[in-house]
């Protein structure tokens, strides 16, 4: 079971890392976090692309919203450290 979890975990990381917009979002949020408005201003994406990529990162457990800020989860930090 652990091996299956690791496989899906690595596939999820790989899929997120292939997308330059998602990598940039994770990098922009960084270790200190950002509000959605701060991230949106820095990313300079249209509403659809912004929401699509942010939703992907949240649904796949890379980012969470806490106290009005977007923060990286442990998986998000792993993605950030992978470059």
N, C-alpha and C. Protein backbone atom coordinates (compact mmCIF):
# COMPACT_ATOMS: atom_id res chain seq x y z
N UNK A 1 0.83 -1.20 0.00
CA UNK A 1 0.00 0.00 0.00
C UNK A 1 0.87 1.26 0.00
N UNK A 2 1.93 1.24 0.79
CA UNK A 2 2.85 2.39 0.86
C UNK A 2 3.47 2.66 -0.51
N UNK A 3 3.82 1.58 -1.21
CA UNK A 3 4.42 1.73 -2.54
C UNK A 3 3.45 2.39 -3.50
N UNK A 4 2.17 2.02 -3.43
CA UNK A 4 1.14 2.61 -4.29
C UNK A 4 0.98 4.10 -3.98
N UNK A 5 1.00 4.46 -2.68
CA UNK A 5 0.90 5.86 -2.29
C UNK A 5 2.10 6.63 -2.82
N UNK A 6 3.28 6.06 -2.70
CA UNK A 6 4.48 6.73 -3.19
C UNK A 6 4.42 6.95 -4.70
N UNK A 7 3.91 5.96 -5.42
CA UNK A 7 3.81 6.08 -6.87
C UNK A 7 2.87 7.23 -7.24
N UNK A 8 1.69 7.29 -6.61
CA UNK A 8 0.74 8.36 -6.94
C UNK A 8 1.28 9.71 -6.48
N UNK A 9 1.99 9.72 -5.35
CA UNK A 9 2.61 10.95 -4.85
C UNK A 9 3.62 11.48 -5.88
N UNK A 10 4.47 10.61 -6.38
CA UNK A 10 5.48 11.04 -7.36
C UNK A 10 4.85 11.46 -8.68
N UNK A 11 3.79 10.77 -9.08
CA UNK A 11 3.09 11.16 -10.31
C UNK A 11 2.48 12.55 -10.16
N UNK A 12 1.91 12.81 -8.99
CA UNK A 12 1.29 14.12 -8.71
C UNK A 12 2.36 15.22 -8.73
N UNK A 13 3.50 14.97 -8.08
CA UNK A 13 4.60 15.94 -8.09
C UNK A 13 5.10 16.18 -9.52
N UNK A 14 5.25 15.11 -10.26
CA UNK A 14 5.76 15.21 -11.63
C UNK A 14 4.81 16.04 -12.49
N UNK A 15 3.51 15.75 -12.39
CA UNK A 15 2.51 16.47 -13.18
C UNK A 15 2.53 17.97 -12.85
N UNK A 16 2.64 18.29 -11.58
CA UNK A 16 2.68 19.70 -11.19
C UNK A 16 3.97 20.37 -11.65
N UNK A 17 5.08 19.64 -11.58
CA UNK A 17 6.37 20.23 -11.93
C UNK A 17 6.53 20.48 -13.42
N UNK A 18 5.75 19.77 -14.24
CA UNK A 18 5.84 19.96 -15.70
C UNK A 18 5.26 21.29 -16.15
N UNK A 19 4.40 21.86 -15.34
CA UNK A 19 3.69 23.07 -15.75
C UNK A 19 4.43 24.30 -15.20
N UNK A 20 5.00 25.14 -16.08
CA UNK A 20 5.76 26.30 -15.60
C UNK A 20 4.92 27.30 -14.81
N UNK A 21 3.64 27.42 -15.14
CA UNK A 21 2.77 28.34 -14.40
C UNK A 21 2.60 27.86 -12.97
N UNK A 22 2.39 26.57 -12.79
CA UNK A 22 2.22 26.02 -11.43
C UNK A 22 3.52 26.12 -10.63
N UNK A 23 4.64 25.86 -11.28
CA UNK A 23 5.93 26.01 -10.58
C UNK A 23 6.14 27.45 -10.15
N UNK A 24 5.77 28.40 -11.02
CA UNK A 24 5.93 29.81 -10.67
C UNK A 24 5.00 30.20 -9.53
N UNK A 25 3.78 29.68 -9.53
CA UNK A 25 2.85 29.96 -8.43
C UNK A 25 3.44 29.49 -7.10
N UNK A 26 3.94 28.27 -7.09
CA UNK A 26 4.53 27.71 -5.86
C UNK A 26 5.72 28.56 -5.43
N UNK A 27 6.56 28.93 -6.38
CA UNK A 27 7.73 29.76 -6.07
C UNK A 27 7.30 31.13 -5.54
N UNK A 28 6.29 31.73 -6.15
CA UNK A 28 5.81 33.05 -5.75
C UNK A 28 5.22 33.03 -4.34
N UNK A 29 4.47 31.99 -4.02
CA UNK A 29 3.91 31.86 -2.67
C UNK A 29 5.05 31.68 -1.66
N UNK A 30 6.01 30.86 -2.02
CA UNK A 30 7.19 30.67 -1.19
C UNK A 30 6.89 30.23 0.23
N UNK A 31 7.86 30.40 1.10
CA UNK A 31 7.72 29.91 2.48
C UNK A 31 6.89 30.84 3.35
N UNK A 32 6.68 32.08 2.92
CA UNK A 32 5.96 33.03 3.77
C UNK A 32 4.48 33.16 3.42
N UNK A 33 4.09 32.68 2.24
CA UNK A 33 2.70 32.74 1.84
C UNK A 33 2.33 34.07 1.19
N UNK A 34 1.20 34.08 0.54
CA UNK A 34 0.66 35.27 -0.14
C UNK A 34 -0.85 35.23 -0.03
N UNK A 35 -1.47 36.40 -0.11
CA UNK A 35 -2.92 36.42 -0.26
C UNK A 35 -3.23 36.09 -1.72
N UNK A 36 -4.47 35.76 -1.99
CA UNK A 36 -4.86 35.47 -3.37
C UNK A 36 -4.63 36.70 -4.24
N UNK A 37 -4.96 37.88 -3.72
CA UNK A 37 -4.77 39.11 -4.50
C UNK A 37 -3.29 39.37 -4.80
N UNK A 38 -2.42 39.17 -3.81
CA UNK A 38 -0.98 39.35 -4.03
C UNK A 38 -0.49 38.39 -5.11
N UNK A 39 -0.90 37.13 -5.01
CA UNK A 39 -0.48 36.14 -6.00
C UNK A 39 -0.99 36.51 -7.38
N UNK A 40 -2.25 36.92 -7.45
CA UNK A 40 -2.85 37.26 -8.74
C UNK A 40 -2.10 38.43 -9.39
N UNK A 41 -1.77 39.44 -8.60
CA UNK A 41 -1.04 40.60 -9.14
C UNK A 41 0.34 40.19 -9.65
N UNK A 42 1.03 39.36 -8.89
CA UNK A 42 2.39 38.97 -9.28
C UNK A 42 2.40 38.01 -10.47
N UNK A 43 1.38 37.17 -10.58
CA UNK A 43 1.36 36.18 -11.66
C UNK A 43 0.96 36.79 -13.01
N UNK A 44 0.14 37.84 -12.99
CA UNK A 44 -0.29 38.50 -14.23
C UNK A 44 -0.92 37.51 -15.23
N UNK A 45 -1.86 36.71 -14.74
CA UNK A 45 -2.58 35.76 -15.58
C UNK A 45 -4.03 36.20 -15.72
N UNK A 46 -4.66 35.77 -16.81
CA UNK A 46 -6.10 36.05 -16.90
C UNK A 46 -6.82 35.20 -15.86
N UNK A 47 -8.05 35.58 -15.56
CA UNK A 47 -8.80 34.94 -14.48
C UNK A 47 -8.92 33.42 -14.65
N UNK A 48 -9.17 32.97 -15.88
CA UNK A 48 -9.35 31.55 -16.11
C UNK A 48 -8.07 30.77 -15.78
N UNK A 49 -6.95 31.20 -16.35
CA UNK A 49 -5.69 30.49 -16.12
C UNK A 49 -5.28 30.54 -14.65
N UNK A 50 -5.50 31.67 -14.02
CA UNK A 50 -5.16 31.80 -12.61
C UNK A 50 -5.96 30.80 -11.78
N UNK A 51 -7.28 30.80 -11.96
CA UNK A 51 -8.14 29.91 -11.18
C UNK A 51 -7.87 28.45 -11.50
N UNK A 52 -7.70 28.13 -12.77
CA UNK A 52 -7.45 26.75 -13.19
C UNK A 52 -6.20 26.19 -12.50
N UNK A 53 -5.12 26.94 -12.55
CA UNK A 53 -3.86 26.46 -11.97
C UNK A 53 -3.88 26.48 -10.44
N UNK A 54 -4.48 27.50 -9.86
CA UNK A 54 -4.58 27.56 -8.40
C UNK A 54 -5.45 26.41 -7.89
N UNK A 55 -6.58 26.17 -8.56
CA UNK A 55 -7.45 25.06 -8.16
C UNK A 55 -6.72 23.72 -8.23
N UNK A 56 -5.93 23.52 -9.29
CA UNK A 56 -5.16 22.28 -9.41
C UNK A 56 -4.23 22.11 -8.21
N UNK A 57 -3.51 23.17 -7.86
CA UNK A 57 -2.54 23.09 -6.77
C UNK A 57 -3.22 22.86 -5.42
N UNK A 58 -4.39 23.46 -5.23
CA UNK A 58 -5.13 23.27 -3.98
C UNK A 58 -5.71 21.85 -3.92
N UNK A 59 -6.37 21.43 -4.99
CA UNK A 59 -7.02 20.11 -5.01
C UNK A 59 -6.01 18.97 -4.89
N UNK A 60 -4.79 19.19 -5.34
CA UNK A 60 -3.77 18.15 -5.28
C UNK A 60 -2.87 18.28 -4.06
N UNK A 61 -3.23 19.19 -3.17
CA UNK A 61 -2.55 19.26 -1.88
C UNK A 61 -1.20 19.96 -1.86
N UNK A 62 -0.95 20.86 -2.81
CA UNK A 62 0.31 21.61 -2.80
C UNK A 62 0.17 22.94 -2.06
N UNK A 63 -1.04 23.47 -2.06
CA UNK A 63 -1.32 24.77 -1.44
C UNK A 63 -2.58 24.63 -0.61
N UNK A 64 -2.61 25.36 0.51
CA UNK A 64 -3.83 25.46 1.30
C UNK A 64 -4.04 26.91 1.69
N UNK A 65 -5.29 27.26 1.95
CA UNK A 65 -5.59 28.62 2.39
C UNK A 65 -5.77 28.58 3.90
N UNK A 66 -4.99 29.43 4.58
CA UNK A 66 -5.02 29.49 6.05
C UNK A 66 -4.95 30.94 6.47
N UNK A 67 -5.88 31.35 7.30
CA UNK A 67 -5.88 32.71 7.84
C UNK A 67 -5.80 33.77 6.74
N UNK A 68 -6.51 33.55 5.63
CA UNK A 68 -6.55 34.52 4.55
C UNK A 68 -5.33 34.52 3.65
N UNK A 69 -4.42 33.57 3.84
CA UNK A 69 -3.22 33.49 3.02
C UNK A 69 -3.10 32.11 2.39
N UNK A 70 -2.52 32.10 1.20
CA UNK A 70 -2.17 30.84 0.57
C UNK A 70 -0.82 30.40 1.11
N UNK A 71 -0.74 29.17 1.55
CA UNK A 71 0.50 28.64 2.12
C UNK A 71 0.82 27.32 1.44
N UNK A 72 2.10 27.01 1.35
CA UNK A 72 2.52 25.73 0.79
C UNK A 72 2.33 24.63 1.83
N UNK A 73 1.86 23.49 1.39
CA UNK A 73 1.80 22.31 2.24
C UNK A 73 3.19 21.64 2.18
N UNK A 74 3.34 20.51 2.85
CA UNK A 74 4.61 19.78 2.77
C UNK A 74 4.89 19.38 1.33
N UNK A 75 3.85 18.95 0.59
CA UNK A 75 4.05 18.62 -0.83
C UNK A 75 4.44 19.85 -1.64
N UNK A 76 3.85 20.99 -1.30
CA UNK A 76 4.20 22.23 -1.98
C UNK A 76 5.65 22.62 -1.74
N UNK A 77 6.12 22.43 -0.52
CA UNK A 77 7.53 22.71 -0.21
C UNK A 77 8.44 21.78 -0.98
N UNK A 78 8.02 20.51 -1.08
CA UNK A 78 8.79 19.54 -1.85
C UNK A 78 8.87 19.97 -3.32
N UNK A 79 7.76 20.44 -3.86
CA UNK A 79 7.74 20.92 -5.25
C UNK A 79 8.63 22.15 -5.39
N UNK A 80 8.57 23.06 -4.44
CA UNK A 80 9.41 24.26 -4.46
C UNK A 80 10.88 23.89 -4.45
N UNK A 81 11.26 22.94 -3.60
CA UNK A 81 12.67 22.53 -3.48
C UNK A 81 13.17 21.77 -4.69
N UNK A 82 12.23 21.19 -5.46
CA UNK A 82 12.65 20.40 -6.63
C UNK A 82 13.02 21.30 -7.80
N UNK A 83 12.81 22.61 -7.64
CA UNK A 83 13.22 23.53 -8.68
C UNK A 83 12.07 24.00 -9.45
